[in-house]
């Protein structure tokens, strides 16, 4: 998995897609999205989109935060 990679900020893209592309581009210093994708690219993966089904509204933020905690190994891993 390479979070948020492959999102295009096209004019007709949804607002969430454009926000995701902005986070990918601007938050790289904090998380290293591009470095993670470059590292995994060495293994010639077959990239496929993965989707998360979540409730809308304010619950979406909590769902995404929980997914970030799970994928990073907890709060300590998330803060590294």
PDB file of N, CA and C in Angstrom:
ATOM      1  N   UNK A   1       0.840  -1.175   0.000  1.00  0.00           N
ATOM      2  CA  UNK A   1       0.000   0.000   0.000  1.00  0.00           C
ATOM      3  C   UNK A   1       0.888   1.241   0.000  1.00  0.00           C
ATOM      4  N   UNK A   2       0.473   2.193  -0.749  1.00  0.00           N
ATOM      5  CA  UNK A   2       1.129   3.501  -0.782  1.00  0.00           C
ATOM      6  C   UNK A   2       0.017   4.546  -0.648  1.00  0.00           C
ATOM      7  N   UNK A   3      -0.258   4.964   0.577  1.00  0.00           N
ATOM      8  CA  UNK A   3      -1.400   5.846   0.824  1.00  0.00           C
ATOM      9  C   UNK A   3      -1.391   7.103  -0.028  1.00  0.00           C
ATOM     10  N   UNK A   4      -2.535   7.420  -0.576  1.00  0.00           N
ATOM     11  CA  UNK A   4      -2.815   8.634  -1.336  1.00  0.00           C
ATOM     12  C   UNK A   4      -2.067   8.757  -2.653  1.00  0.00           C
ATOM     13  N   UNK A   5      -1.221   7.806  -3.009  1.00  0.00           N
ATOM     14  CA  UNK A   5      -0.519   7.922  -4.289  1.00  0.00           C
ATOM     15  C   UNK A   5      -1.484   7.579  -5.411  1.00  0.00           C
ATOM     16  N   UNK A   6      -1.308   8.209  -6.514  1.00  0.00           N
ATOM     17  CA  UNK A   6      -2.151   7.949  -7.665  1.00  0.00           C
ATOM     18  C   UNK A   6      -3.394   8.820  -7.733  1.00  0.00           C
ATOM     19  N   UNK A   7      -3.567   9.734  -6.791  1.00  0.00           N
ATOM     20  CA  UNK A   7      -4.713  10.635  -6.845  1.00  0.00           C
ATOM     21  C   UNK A   7      -4.375  11.806  -7.762  1.00  0.00           C
ATOM     22  N   UNK A   8      -5.289  12.138  -8.642  1.00  0.00           N
ATOM     23  CA  UNK A   8      -5.087  13.254  -9.556  1.00  0.00           C
ATOM     24  C   UNK A   8      -5.945  14.429  -9.111  1.00  0.00           C
ATOM     25  N   UNK A   9      -5.365  15.605  -9.117  1.00  0.00           N
ATOM     26  CA  UNK A   9      -6.103  16.813  -8.756  1.00  0.00           C
ATOM     27  C   UNK A   9      -6.689  17.452 -10.012  1.00  0.00           C
ATOM     28  N   UNK A  10      -7.354  16.647 -10.823  1.00  0.00           N
ATOM     29  CA  UNK A  10      -7.972  17.154 -12.047  1.00  0.00           C
ATOM     30  C   UNK A  10      -9.137  18.084 -11.703  1.00  0.00           C
ATOM     31  N   UNK A  11      -9.469  19.005 -12.568  1.00  0.00           N
ATOM     32  CA  UNK A  11     -10.570  19.928 -12.290  1.00  0.00           C
ATOM     33  C   UNK A  11     -11.914  19.233 -12.042  1.00  0.00           C
ATOM     34  N   UNK A  12     -12.152  18.090 -12.674  1.00  0.00           N
ATOM     35  CA  UNK A  12     -13.435  17.397 -12.512  1.00  0.00           C
ATOM     36  C   UNK A  12     -13.408  16.339 -11.412  1.00  0.00           C
ATOM     37  N   UNK A  13     -12.296  16.206 -10.715  1.00  0.00           N
ATOM     38  CA  UNK A  13     -12.209  15.234  -9.624  1.00  0.00           C
ATOM     39  C   UNK A  13     -13.035  15.731  -8.445  1.00  0.00           C
ATOM     40  N   UNK A  14     -13.448  14.788  -7.597  1.00  0.00           N
ATOM     41  CA  UNK A  14     -14.234  15.173  -6.422  1.00  0.00           C
ATOM     42  C   UNK A  14     -13.374  15.994  -5.473  1.00  0.00           C
ATOM     43  N   UNK A  15     -14.012  16.710  -4.585  1.00  0.00           N
ATOM     44  CA  UNK A  15     -13.258  17.547  -3.657  1.00  0.00           C
ATOM     45  C   UNK A  15     -12.383  16.701  -2.734  1.00  0.00           C
ATOM     46  N   UNK A  16     -12.864  15.523  -2.326  1.00  0.00           N
ATOM     47  CA  UNK A  16     -12.047  14.653  -1.470  1.00  0.00           C
ATOM     48  C   UNK A  16     -10.815  14.135  -2.206  1.00  0.00           C
ATOM     49  N   UNK A  17     -10.953  13.850  -3.490  1.00  0.00           N
ATOM     50  CA  UNK A  17      -9.807  13.404  -4.281  1.00  0.00           C
ATOM     51  C   UNK A  17      -8.777  14.514  -4.393  1.00  0.00           C
ATOM     52  N   UNK A  18      -9.237  15.738  -4.628  1.00  0.00           N
ATOM     53  CA  UNK A  18      -8.310  16.868  -4.720  1.00  0.00           C
ATOM     54  C   UNK A  18      -7.633  17.156  -3.383  1.00  0.00           C
ATOM     55  N   UNK A  19      -8.374  16.997  -2.279  1.00  0.00           N
ATOM     56  CA  UNK A  19      -7.777  17.185  -0.953  1.00  0.00           C
ATOM     57  C   UNK A  19      -6.733  16.106  -0.702  1.00  0.00           C
ATOM     58  N   UNK A  20      -7.039  14.870  -1.070  1.00  0.00           N
ATOM     59  CA  UNK A  20      -6.081  13.783  -0.906  1.00  0.00           C
ATOM     60  C   UNK A  20      -4.812  14.012  -1.703  1.00  0.00           C
ATOM     61  N   UNK A  21      -4.948  14.501  -2.934  1.00  0.00           N
ATOM     62  CA  UNK A  21      -3.781  14.802  -3.765  1.00  0.00           C
ATOM     63  C   UNK A  21      -2.967  15.937  -3.151  1.00  0.00           C
ATOM     64  N   UNK A  22      -3.636  16.923  -2.567  1.00  0.00           N
ATOM     65  CA  UNK A  22      -2.937  18.023  -1.908  1.00  0.00           C
ATOM     66  C   UNK A  22      -2.178  17.528  -0.678  1.00  0.00           C
ATOM     67  N   UNK A  23      -2.812  16.667   0.105  1.00  0.00           N
ATOM     68  CA  UNK A  23      -2.144  16.105   1.286  1.00  0.00           C
ATOM     69  C   UNK A  23      -0.930  15.300   0.856  1.00  0.00           C
ATOM     70  N   UNK A  24      -1.057  14.501  -0.195  1.00  0.00           N
ATOM     71  CA  UNK A  24       0.062  13.708  -0.711  1.00  0.00           C
ATOM     72  C   UNK A  24       1.231  14.612  -1.105  1.00  0.00           C
ATOM     73  N   UNK A  25       0.911  15.716  -1.772  1.00  0.00           N
ATOM     74  CA  UNK A  25       1.958  16.609  -2.253  1.00  0.00           C
ATOM     75  C   UNK A  25       2.592  17.431  -1.130  1.00  0.00           C
ATOM     76  N   UNK A  26       1.780  17.923  -0.202  1.00  0.00           N
ATOM     77  CA  UNK A  26       2.267  18.868   0.800  1.00  0.00           C
ATOM     78  C   UNK A  26       2.718  18.224   2.104  1.00  0.00           C
ATOM     79  N   UNK A  27       2.188  17.068   2.456  1.00  0.00           N
ATOM     80  CA  UNK A  27       2.527  16.446   3.743  1.00  0.00           C
ATOM     81  C   UNK A  27       3.651  15.425   3.616  1.00  0.00           C
ATOM     82  N   UNK A  28       4.302  15.400   2.495  1.00  0.00           N
ATOM     83  CA  UNK A  28       5.391  14.452   2.285  1.00  0.00           C
ATOM     84  C   UNK A  28       6.534  14.613   3.271  1.00  0.00           C
ATOM     85  N   UNK A  29       6.762  15.833   3.733  1.00  0.00           N
ATOM     86  CA  UNK A  29       7.835  16.066   4.705  1.00  0.00           C
ATOM     87  C   UNK A  29       7.516  15.410   6.045  1.00  0.00           C
ATOM     88  N   UNK A  30       6.241  15.295   6.355  1.00  0.00           N
ATOM     89  CA  UNK A  30       5.851  14.689   7.627  1.00  0.00           C
ATOM     90  C   UNK A  30       5.780  13.170   7.556  1.00  0.00           C
ATOM     91  N   UNK A  31       5.297  12.644   6.454  1.00  0.00           N
ATOM     92  CA  UNK A  31       5.060  11.200   6.364  1.00  0.00           C
ATOM     93  C   UNK A  31       5.983  10.503   5.375  1.00  0.00           C
ATOM     94  N   UNK A  32       6.352  11.143   4.312  1.00  0.00           N
ATOM     95  CA  UNK A  32       7.223  10.523   3.315  1.00  0.00           C
ATOM     96  C   UNK A  32       6.474   9.624   2.349  1.00  0.00           C
ATOM     97  N   UNK A  33       5.335  10.099   1.838  1.00  0.00           N
ATOM     98  CA  UNK A  33       4.530   9.310   0.912  1.00  0.00           C
ATOM     99  C   UNK A  33       5.329   8.878  -0.313  1.00  0.00           C
ATOM    100  N   UNK A  34       6.041   9.824  -0.902  1.00  0.00           N
ATOM    101  CA  UNK A  34       6.774   9.519  -2.128  1.00  0.00           C
ATOM    102  C   UNK A  34       7.913   8.546  -1.875  1.00  0.00           C
ATOM    103  N   UNK A  35       8.582   8.672  -0.735  1.00  0.00           N
ATOM    104  CA  UNK A  35       9.658   7.744  -0.395  1.00  0.00           C
ATOM    105  C   UNK A  35       9.154   6.328  -0.208  1.00  0.00           C
ATOM    106  N   UNK A  36       7.993   6.200   0.407  1.00  0.00           N
ATOM    107  CA  UNK A  36       7.397   4.882   0.603  1.00  0.00           C
ATOM    108  C   UNK A  36       7.057   4.251  -0.735  1.00  0.00           C
ATOM    109  N   UNK A  37       6.457   5.031  -1.619  1.00  0.00           N
ATOM    110  CA  UNK A  37       6.105   4.487  -2.930  1.00  0.00           C
ATOM    111  C   UNK A  37       7.359   4.131  -3.718  1.00  0.00           C
ATOM    112  N   UNK A  38       8.394   4.977  -3.659  1.00  0.00           N
ATOM    113  CA  UNK A  38       9.642   4.701  -4.381  1.00  0.00           C
ATOM    114  C   UNK A  38      10.300   3.431  -3.857  1.00  0.00           C
ATOM    115  N   UNK A  39      10.285   3.230  -2.540  1.00  0.00           N
ATOM    116  CA  UNK A  39      10.855   2.017  -1.960  1.00  0.00           C
ATOM    117  C   UNK A  39      10.104   0.783  -2.452  1.00  0.00           C
ATOM    118  N   UNK A  40       8.791   0.828  -2.423  1.00  0.00           N
ATOM    119  CA  UNK A  40       7.994  -0.329  -2.832  1.00  0.00           C
ATOM    120  C   UNK A  40       8.054  -0.566  -4.334  1.00  0.00           C
ATOM    121  N   UNK A  41       8.318   0.493  -5.096  1.00  0.00           N
ATOM    122  CA  UNK A  41       8.407   0.377  -6.554  1.00  0.00           C
ATOM    123  C   UNK A  41       9.553  -0.540  -6.967  1.00  0.00           C
ATOM    124  N   UNK A  42      10.585  -0.665  -6.125  1.00  0.00           N
ATOM    125  CA  UNK A  42      11.730  -1.525  -6.437  1.00  0.00           C
ATOM    126  C   UNK A  42      11.331  -2.997  -6.562  1.00  0.00           C
ATOM    127  N   UNK A  43      10.215  -3.377  -5.962  1.00  0.00           N
ATOM    128  CA  UNK A  43       9.779  -4.767  -5.977  1.00  0.00           C
ATOM    129  C   UNK A  43       8.791  -5.058  -7.106  1.00  0.00           C
ATOM    130  N   UNK A  44       8.628  -4.121  -8.024  1.00  0.00           N
ATOM    131  CA  UNK A  44       7.739  -4.237  -9.189  1.00  0.00           C
ATOM    132  C   UNK A  44       6.335  -4.707  -8.799  1.00  0.00           C
ATOM    133  N   UNK A  45       5.667  -3.973  -7.933  1.00  0.00           N
ATOM    134  CA  UNK A  45       4.320  -4.388  -7.521  1.00  0.00           C
ATOM    135  C   UNK A  45       3.298  -4.118  -8.618  1.00  0.00           C
ATOM    136  N   UNK A  46       2.187  -4.760  -8.497  1.00  0.00           N
ATOM    137  CA  UNK A  46       1.039  -4.474  -9.360  1.00  0.00           C
ATOM    138  C   UNK A  46       0.114  -3.590  -8.533  1.00  0.00           C
ATOM    139  N   UNK A  47       0.132  -2.287  -8.810  1.00  0.00           N
ATOM    140  CA  UNK A  47      -0.637  -1.335  -8.020  1.00  0.00           C
ATOM    141  C   UNK A  47      -2.121  -1.456  -8.331  1.00  0.00           C
ATOM    142  N   UNK A  48      -2.916  -1.607  -7.302  1.00  0.00           N
ATOM    143  CA  UNK A  48      -4.367  -1.672  -7.439  1.00  0.00           C
ATOM    144  C   UNK A  48      -4.992  -0.744  -6.406  1.00  0.00           C
ATOM    145  N   UNK A  49      -6.037  -0.024  -6.779  1.00  0.00           N
ATOM    146  CA  UNK A  49      -6.685   0.843  -5.796  1.00  0.00           C
ATOM    147  C   UNK A  49      -7.384   0.013  -4.712  1.00  0.00           C
ATOM    148  N   UNK A  50      -7.337   0.520  -3.494  1.00  0.00           N
ATOM    149  CA  UNK A  50      -8.015  -0.105  -2.361  1.00  0.00           C
ATOM    150  C   UNK A  50      -8.915   0.958  -1.758  1.00  0.00           C
ATOM    151  N   UNK A  51     -10.134   0.576  -1.447  1.00  0.00           N
ATOM    152  CA  UNK A  51     -11.113   1.533  -0.958  1.00  0.00           C
ATOM    153  C   UNK A  51     -11.526   1.191   0.472  1.00  0.00           C
ATOM    154  N   UNK A  52     -11.896   2.205   1.210  1.00  0.00           N
ATOM    155  CA  UNK A  52     -12.421   2.039   2.558  1.00  0.00           C
ATOM    156  C   UNK A  52     -13.856   2.531   2.544  1.00  0.00           C
ATOM    157  N   UNK A  53     -14.762   1.701   3.014  1.00  0.00           N
ATOM    158  CA  UNK A  53     -16.156   2.118   3.167  1.00  0.00           C
ATOM    159  C   UNK A  53     -16.313   2.697   4.565  1.00  0.00           C
ATOM    160  N   UNK A  54     -16.793   3.919   4.635  1.00  0.00           N
ATOM    161  CA  UNK A  54     -16.923   4.596   5.923  1.00  0.00           C
ATOM    162  C   UNK A  54     -18.163   5.474   5.910  1.00  0.00           C
ATOM    163  N   UNK A  55     -18.704   5.741   7.085  1.00  0.00           N
ATOM    164  CA  UNK A  55     -19.840   6.661   7.152  1.00  0.00           C
ATOM    165  C   UNK A  55     -19.390   8.065   6.779  1.00  0.00           C
ATOM    166  N   UNK A  56     -20.300   8.858   6.304  1.00  0.00           N
ATOM    167  CA  UNK A  56     -19.960  10.220   5.913  1.00  0.00           C
ATOM    168  C   UNK A  56     -19.925  11.164   7.098  1.00  0.00           C
ATOM    169  N   UNK A  57     -19.737  12.418   6.791  1.00  0.00           N
ATOM    170  CA  UNK A  57     -19.734  13.439   7.826  1.00  0.00           C
ATOM    171  C   UNK A  57     -18.503  13.372   8.710  1.00  0.00           C
ATOM    172  N   UNK A  58     -18.684  13.723   9.979  1.00  0.00           N
ATOM    173  CA  UNK A  58     -17.575  13.782  10.934  1.00  0.00           C
ATOM    174  C   UNK A  58     -17.007  12.408  11.240  1.00  0.00           C
ATOM    175  N   UNK A  59     -17.783  11.352  11.055  1.00  0.00           N
ATOM    176  CA  UNK A  59     -17.285  10.002  11.329  1.00  0.00           C
ATOM    177  C   UNK A  59     -16.193   9.578  10.359  1.00  0.00           C
ATOM    178  N   UNK A  60     -16.144  10.187   9.196  1.00  0.00           N
ATOM    179  CA  UNK A  60     -15.122   9.858   8.209  1.00  0.00           C
ATOM    180  C   UNK A  60     -13.728  10.187   8.746  1.00  0.00           C
ATOM    181  N   UNK A  61     -13.578  11.330   9.384  1.00  0.00           N
ATOM    182  CA  UNK A  61     -12.282  11.704   9.952  1.00  0.00           C
ATOM    183  C   UNK A  61     -11.805  10.717  10.993  1.00  0.00           C
ATOM    184  N   UNK A  62     -12.701  10.260  11.839  1.00  0.00           N
ATOM    185  CA  UNK A  62     -12.336   9.273  12.861  1.00  0.00           C
ATOM    186  C   UNK A  62     -11.938   7.948  12.214  1.00  0.00           C
ATOM    187  N   UNK A  63     -12.650   7.551  11.168  1.00  0.00           N
ATOM    188  CA  UNK A  63     -12.326   6.312  10.457  1.00  0.00           C
ATOM    189  C   UNK A  63     -10.949   6.397   9.831  1.00  0.00           C
ATOM    190  N   UNK A  64     -10.626   7.519   9.207  1.00  0.00           N
ATOM    191  CA  UNK A  64      -9.311   7.691   8.586  1.00  0.00           C
ATOM    192  C   UNK A  64      -8.206   7.742   9.642  1.00  0.00           C
ATOM    193  N   UNK A  65      -8.484   8.366  10.782  1.00  0.00           N
ATOM    194  CA  UNK A  65      -7.501   8.395  11.871  1.00  0.00           C
ATOM    195  C   UNK A  65      -7.241   6.990  12.400  1.00  0.00           C
ATOM    196  N   UNK A  66      -8.295   6.190  12.543  1.00  0.00           N
ATOM    197  CA  UNK A  66      -8.132   4.809  12.996  1.00  0.00           C
ATOM    198  C   UNK A  66      -7.310   3.999  11.990  1.00  0.00           C
ATOM    199  N   UNK A  67      -7.566   4.208  10.706  1.00  0.00           N
ATOM    200  CA  UNK A  67      -6.797   3.496   9.676  1.00  0.00           C
ATOM    201  C   UNK A  67      -5.319   3.907   9.720  1.00  0.00           C
ATOM    202  N   UNK A  68      -5.050   5.200   9.954  1.00  0.00           N
ATOM    203  CA  UNK A  68      -3.666   5.660  10.058  1.00  0.00           C
ATOM    204  C   UNK A  68      -2.972   5.028  11.256  1.00  0.00           C
ATOM    205  N   UNK A  69      -3.676   4.925  12.377  1.00  0.00           N
ATOM    206  CA  UNK A  69      -3.091   4.292  13.560  1.00  0.00           C
ATOM    207  C   UNK A  69      -2.800   2.817  13.320  1.00  0.00           C
ATOM    208  N   UNK A  70      -3.722   2.127  12.653  1.00  0.00           N
ATOM    209  CA  UNK A  70      -3.517   0.705  12.376  1.00  0.00           C
ATOM    210  C   UNK A  70      -2.342   0.472  11.434  1.00  0.00           C
ATOM    211  N   UNK A  71      -2.232   1.287  10.401  1.00  0.00           N
ATOM    212  CA  UNK A  71      -1.183   1.054   9.409  1.00  0.00           C
ATOM    213  C   UNK A  71       0.197   1.502   9.879  1.00  0.00           C
ATOM    214  N   UNK A  72       0.260   2.358  10.898  1.00  0.00           N
ATOM    215  CA  UNK A  72       1.557   2.848  11.362  1.00  0.00           C
ATOM    216  C   UNK A  72       2.055   2.149  12.615  1.00  0.00           C
ATOM    217  N   UNK A  73       1.258   1.287  13.198  1.00  0.00           N
ATOM    218  CA  UNK A  73       1.692   0.570  14.389  1.00  0.00           C
ATOM    219  C   UNK A  73       1.380   1.288  15.684  1.00  0.00           C
ATOM    220  N   UNK A  74       0.397   2.153  15.683  1.00  0.00           N
ATOM    221  CA  UNK A  74       0.005   2.850  16.899  1.00  0.00           C
ATOM    222  C   UNK A  74       0.452   4.293  16.917  1.00  0.00           C
ATOM    223  N   UNK A  75       0.212   4.941  18.031  1.00  0.00           N
ATOM    224  CA  UNK A  75       0.506   6.377  18.150  1.00  0.00           C
ATOM    225  C   UNK A  75       2.001   6.652  18.009  1.00  0.00           C
ATOM    226  N   UNK A  76       2.833   5.816  18.615  1.00  0.00           N
ATOM    227  CA  UNK A  76       4.284   6.026  18.532  1.00  0.00           C
ATOM    228  C   UNK A  76       4.749   5.935  17.082  1.00  0.00           C
ATOM    229  N   UNK A  77       4.272   4.942  16.344  1.00  0.00           N
ATOM    230  CA  UNK A  77       4.649   4.804  14.936  1.00  0.00           C
ATOM    231  C   UNK A  77       4.124   5.951  14.089  1.00  0.00           C
ATOM    232  N   UNK A  78       2.946   6.448  14.427  1.00  0.00           N
ATOM    233  CA  UNK A  78       2.361   7.540  13.686  1.00  0.00           C
ATOM    234  C   UNK A  78       3.161   8.837  13.881  1.00  0.00           C
ATOM    235  N   UNK A  79       3.695   9.028  15.080  1.00  0.00           N
ATOM    236  CA  UNK A  79       4.449  10.246  15.376  1.00  0.00           C
ATOM    237  C   UNK A  79       5.884  10.199  14.876  1.00  0.00           C
ATOM    238  N   UNK A  80       6.382   9.038  14.514  1.00  0.00           N
ATOM    239  CA  UNK A  80       7.766   8.943  14.000  1.00  0.00           C
ATOM    240  C   UNK A  80       7.848   9.502  12.656  1.00  0.00           C
TER     241      UNK A  80
END
